N, C-alpha and C. Protein backbone atom coordinates (compact mmCIF):
# COMPACT_ATOMS: atom_id res chain seq x y z
N UNK A 1 65.37 141.34 123.11
CA UNK A 1 66.29 141.87 122.19
C UNK A 1 65.76 141.72 120.69
N UNK A 2 65.40 140.50 120.37
CA UNK A 2 64.90 140.18 119.03
C UNK A 2 63.57 140.92 118.84
N UNK A 3 62.72 140.93 119.89
CA UNK A 3 61.44 141.57 119.79
C UNK A 3 61.61 143.06 119.50
N UNK A 4 62.57 143.71 120.15
CA UNK A 4 62.88 145.13 119.92
C UNK A 4 63.28 145.39 118.47
N UNK A 5 64.12 144.53 117.91
CA UNK A 5 64.53 144.68 116.53
C UNK A 5 63.40 144.54 115.58
N UNK A 6 62.48 143.56 115.88
CA UNK A 6 61.35 143.33 115.05
C UNK A 6 60.40 144.57 115.11
N UNK A 7 60.19 145.05 116.29
CA UNK A 7 59.34 146.28 116.45
C UNK A 7 59.94 147.48 115.71
N UNK A 8 61.25 147.62 115.76
CA UNK A 8 61.91 148.76 115.05
C UNK A 8 61.74 148.53 113.55
N UNK A 9 61.92 147.37 113.04
CA UNK A 9 61.77 147.11 111.55
C UNK A 9 60.33 147.39 111.09
N UNK A 10 59.38 146.87 111.89
CA UNK A 10 57.96 147.03 111.56
C UNK A 10 57.57 148.50 111.60
N UNK A 11 58.08 149.26 112.59
CA UNK A 11 57.78 150.67 112.69
C UNK A 11 58.41 151.44 111.52
N UNK A 12 59.59 151.03 111.03
CA UNK A 12 60.16 151.67 109.87
C UNK A 12 59.42 151.41 108.66
N UNK A 13 58.92 150.19 108.46
CA UNK A 13 58.11 149.82 107.34
C UNK A 13 56.77 150.66 107.33
N UNK A 14 56.15 150.72 108.51
CA UNK A 14 54.86 151.42 108.60
C UNK A 14 55.05 152.92 108.29
N UNK A 15 56.12 153.52 108.84
CA UNK A 15 56.42 154.97 108.59
C UNK A 15 56.71 155.19 107.11
N UNK A 16 57.43 154.29 106.47
CA UNK A 16 57.74 154.40 105.08
C UNK A 16 56.51 154.33 104.18
N UNK A 17 55.59 153.39 104.58
CA UNK A 17 54.34 153.24 103.89
C UNK A 17 53.50 154.48 104.02
N UNK A 18 53.38 154.99 105.22
CA UNK A 18 52.54 156.23 105.51
C UNK A 18 53.17 157.37 104.73
N UNK A 19 54.47 157.49 104.68
CA UNK A 19 55.08 158.65 103.98
C UNK A 19 54.76 158.57 102.46
N UNK A 20 54.78 157.38 101.94
CA UNK A 20 54.44 157.21 100.47
C UNK A 20 53.01 157.54 100.24
N UNK A 21 52.09 157.14 101.11
CA UNK A 21 50.65 157.43 100.93
C UNK A 21 50.42 158.94 101.04
N UNK A 22 51.05 159.59 102.02
CA UNK A 22 50.86 161.03 102.13
C UNK A 22 51.50 161.75 100.93
N UNK A 23 52.60 161.31 100.39
CA UNK A 23 53.14 161.91 99.22
C UNK A 23 52.23 161.77 97.99
N UNK A 24 51.59 160.61 97.85
CA UNK A 24 50.68 160.44 96.73
C UNK A 24 49.42 161.33 96.89
N UNK A 25 48.89 161.44 98.10
CA UNK A 25 47.75 162.34 98.30
C UNK A 25 48.12 163.75 98.09
N UNK A 26 49.28 164.15 98.54
CA UNK A 26 49.68 165.56 98.33
C UNK A 26 49.84 165.89 96.87
N UNK A 27 50.44 164.96 96.08
CA UNK A 27 50.60 165.18 94.71
C UNK A 27 49.23 165.27 94.01
N UNK A 28 48.29 164.44 94.37
CA UNK A 28 46.99 164.51 93.76
C UNK A 28 46.28 165.84 94.08
N UNK A 29 46.42 166.36 95.28
CA UNK A 29 45.78 167.62 95.61
C UNK A 29 46.45 168.70 94.83
N UNK A 30 47.74 168.65 94.64
CA UNK A 30 48.50 169.71 93.87
C UNK A 30 47.95 169.71 92.44
N UNK A 31 47.86 168.56 91.86
CA UNK A 31 47.35 168.44 90.47
C UNK A 31 45.94 168.97 90.36
N UNK A 32 45.11 168.66 91.29
CA UNK A 32 43.74 169.12 91.24
C UNK A 32 43.68 170.69 91.37
N UNK A 33 44.48 171.30 92.22
CA UNK A 33 44.59 172.69 92.38
C UNK A 33 45.15 173.37 91.06
N UNK A 34 46.17 172.72 90.51
CA UNK A 34 46.74 173.27 89.31
C UNK A 34 45.73 173.30 88.16
N UNK A 35 44.93 172.34 88.00
CA UNK A 35 43.90 172.24 86.95
C UNK A 35 42.87 173.33 87.13
N UNK A 36 42.54 173.66 88.33
CA UNK A 36 41.56 174.69 88.61
C UNK A 36 42.10 176.10 88.29
N UNK A 37 43.36 176.34 88.51
CA UNK A 37 43.88 177.69 88.31
C UNK A 37 44.28 177.98 86.89
N UNK A 38 44.50 176.99 86.03
CA UNK A 38 44.85 177.24 84.62
C UNK A 38 43.64 177.70 83.85
N UNK A 39 43.81 178.73 83.04
CA UNK A 39 42.69 179.17 82.18
C UNK A 39 42.30 178.09 81.18
N UNK A 40 41.03 177.99 80.90
CA UNK A 40 40.58 176.92 79.97
C UNK A 40 40.58 177.53 78.55
N UNK A 41 40.95 176.71 77.65
CA UNK A 41 40.89 177.15 76.19
C UNK A 41 39.46 177.05 75.73
N UNK A 42 39.02 177.92 74.83
CA UNK A 42 37.69 177.83 74.34
C UNK A 42 37.48 176.48 73.60
N UNK A 43 36.25 175.92 73.84
CA UNK A 43 35.96 174.62 73.24
C UNK A 43 35.78 174.73 71.79
N UNK A 44 36.19 173.82 71.03
CA UNK A 44 36.03 173.81 69.56
C UNK A 44 34.59 173.53 69.26
N UNK A 45 34.02 174.24 68.30
CA UNK A 45 32.61 173.99 67.92
C UNK A 45 32.57 172.79 67.02
N UNK A 46 31.46 172.13 66.97
CA UNK A 46 31.31 170.97 66.08
C UNK A 46 31.34 171.41 64.64
N UNK A 47 32.16 170.75 63.88
CA UNK A 47 32.31 171.04 62.49
C UNK A 47 33.17 172.29 62.34
N UNK A 48 33.38 172.70 61.10
CA UNK A 48 34.13 173.90 60.87
C UNK A 48 35.63 173.57 60.68
N UNK A 49 36.38 174.63 60.46
CA UNK A 49 37.82 174.49 60.18
C UNK A 49 38.62 174.64 61.40
N UNK A 50 39.64 173.83 61.57
CA UNK A 50 40.60 173.94 62.62
C UNK A 50 41.88 174.67 62.13
N UNK A 51 42.31 175.56 62.92
CA UNK A 51 43.51 176.34 62.60
C UNK A 51 44.54 176.16 63.75
N UNK A 52 45.79 176.50 63.44
CA UNK A 52 46.86 176.39 64.41
C UNK A 52 47.23 177.76 64.94
N UNK A 53 47.33 177.84 66.29
CA UNK A 53 47.68 179.13 66.93
C UNK A 53 49.19 179.37 66.65
N UNK A 54 49.57 180.54 66.11
CA UNK A 54 50.96 180.80 65.84
C UNK A 54 51.81 181.00 67.14
N UNK A 55 51.27 181.14 68.25
CA UNK A 55 51.97 181.36 69.50
C UNK A 55 52.23 180.03 70.27
N UNK A 56 51.10 179.28 70.54
CA UNK A 56 51.25 178.06 71.36
C UNK A 56 51.08 176.77 70.57
N UNK A 57 50.86 176.81 69.25
CA UNK A 57 50.80 175.69 68.35
C UNK A 57 49.69 174.67 68.69
N UNK A 58 48.58 175.19 69.25
CA UNK A 58 47.44 174.36 69.48
C UNK A 58 46.44 174.55 68.37
N UNK A 59 45.63 173.50 68.13
CA UNK A 59 44.60 173.58 67.06
C UNK A 59 43.31 173.91 67.72
N UNK A 60 42.55 174.78 67.06
CA UNK A 60 41.23 175.22 67.64
C UNK A 60 40.32 175.60 66.48
N UNK A 61 39.04 175.85 66.84
CA UNK A 61 38.05 176.23 65.80
C UNK A 61 38.36 177.66 65.24
N UNK A 62 38.25 177.83 63.98
CA UNK A 62 38.66 179.09 63.34
C UNK A 62 37.67 180.26 63.61
N UNK A 63 36.58 179.93 64.25
CA UNK A 63 35.56 181.00 64.52
C UNK A 63 35.77 181.78 65.81
N UNK A 64 37.02 181.86 66.23
CA UNK A 64 37.32 182.61 67.47
C UNK A 64 37.35 184.11 67.12
N UNK A 65 37.10 184.96 68.10
CA UNK A 65 37.17 186.41 67.86
C UNK A 65 38.58 186.99 68.01
N UNK A 66 39.55 186.17 68.35
CA UNK A 66 40.92 186.64 68.59
C UNK A 66 41.67 186.71 67.30
N UNK A 67 41.73 187.82 66.62
CA UNK A 67 42.37 187.97 65.32
C UNK A 67 43.16 189.21 65.23
N UNK A 68 44.18 189.17 64.39
CA UNK A 68 45.03 190.33 64.19
C UNK A 68 45.57 190.31 62.81
N UNK A 69 45.55 191.43 62.11
CA UNK A 69 46.08 191.55 60.75
C UNK A 69 47.42 192.28 60.80
N UNK A 70 48.50 191.65 60.30
CA UNK A 70 49.80 192.29 60.25
C UNK A 70 50.36 192.09 58.82
N UNK A 71 50.78 193.19 58.24
CA UNK A 71 51.36 193.17 56.89
C UNK A 71 50.42 192.47 55.87
N UNK A 72 49.09 192.68 56.08
CA UNK A 72 48.11 192.17 55.19
C UNK A 72 47.80 190.70 55.37
N UNK A 73 48.38 190.09 56.42
CA UNK A 73 48.14 188.67 56.69
C UNK A 73 47.26 188.55 57.96
N UNK A 74 46.21 187.67 57.92
CA UNK A 74 45.38 187.51 59.07
C UNK A 74 45.94 186.42 59.95
N UNK A 75 46.09 186.75 61.20
CA UNK A 75 46.52 185.76 62.21
C UNK A 75 45.38 185.54 63.14
N UNK A 76 45.10 184.23 63.40
CA UNK A 76 43.99 183.86 64.29
C UNK A 76 44.56 183.14 65.51
N UNK A 77 44.17 183.55 66.71
CA UNK A 77 44.74 183.05 67.95
C UNK A 77 43.67 182.29 68.77
N UNK A 78 44.15 181.33 69.56
CA UNK A 78 43.19 180.53 70.36
C UNK A 78 42.70 181.28 71.57
N UNK A 79 43.41 182.33 72.07
CA UNK A 79 42.93 183.01 73.23
C UNK A 79 43.44 184.50 73.25
N UNK A 80 42.91 185.29 74.09
CA UNK A 80 43.33 186.64 74.24
C UNK A 80 44.80 186.73 74.73
N UNK A 81 45.18 185.77 75.53
CA UNK A 81 46.52 185.64 76.07
C UNK A 81 47.54 185.48 74.95
N UNK A 82 47.25 184.57 74.03
CA UNK A 82 48.16 184.34 72.91
C UNK A 82 48.16 185.55 71.96
N UNK A 83 47.04 186.24 71.79
CA UNK A 83 47.01 187.46 70.97
C UNK A 83 47.92 188.54 71.61
N UNK A 84 47.86 188.68 72.86
CA UNK A 84 48.74 189.68 73.55
C UNK A 84 50.17 189.35 73.41
N UNK A 85 50.50 188.06 73.58
CA UNK A 85 51.92 187.65 73.45
C UNK A 85 52.42 187.89 72.04
N UNK A 86 51.60 187.66 71.04
CA UNK A 86 51.98 187.85 69.64
C UNK A 86 52.22 189.36 69.44
N UNK A 87 51.33 190.25 70.01
CA UNK A 87 51.45 191.65 69.80
C UNK A 87 52.67 192.32 70.49
N UNK A 88 53.15 191.62 71.54
CA UNK A 88 54.25 192.20 72.29
C UNK A 88 55.61 192.07 71.59
């Protein structure tokens, strides 16, 4: 009787531990996959001026080709995606 209770408790502890380990591994794989699918921002060049993107508020090197002039004001964007969002 006591042996059965001990076996049941040990098996519950082992299953709980395995569930936690599997959850941690699953979360790690999801994070790795998410990082691979997100587009990378262009790397900032050494030196030069940093500007702030008006869409996503990130700072990046001002020598990017993503530019748009509206009402005589030059807007510089970190990516083509932000440029398209601004234009929409």
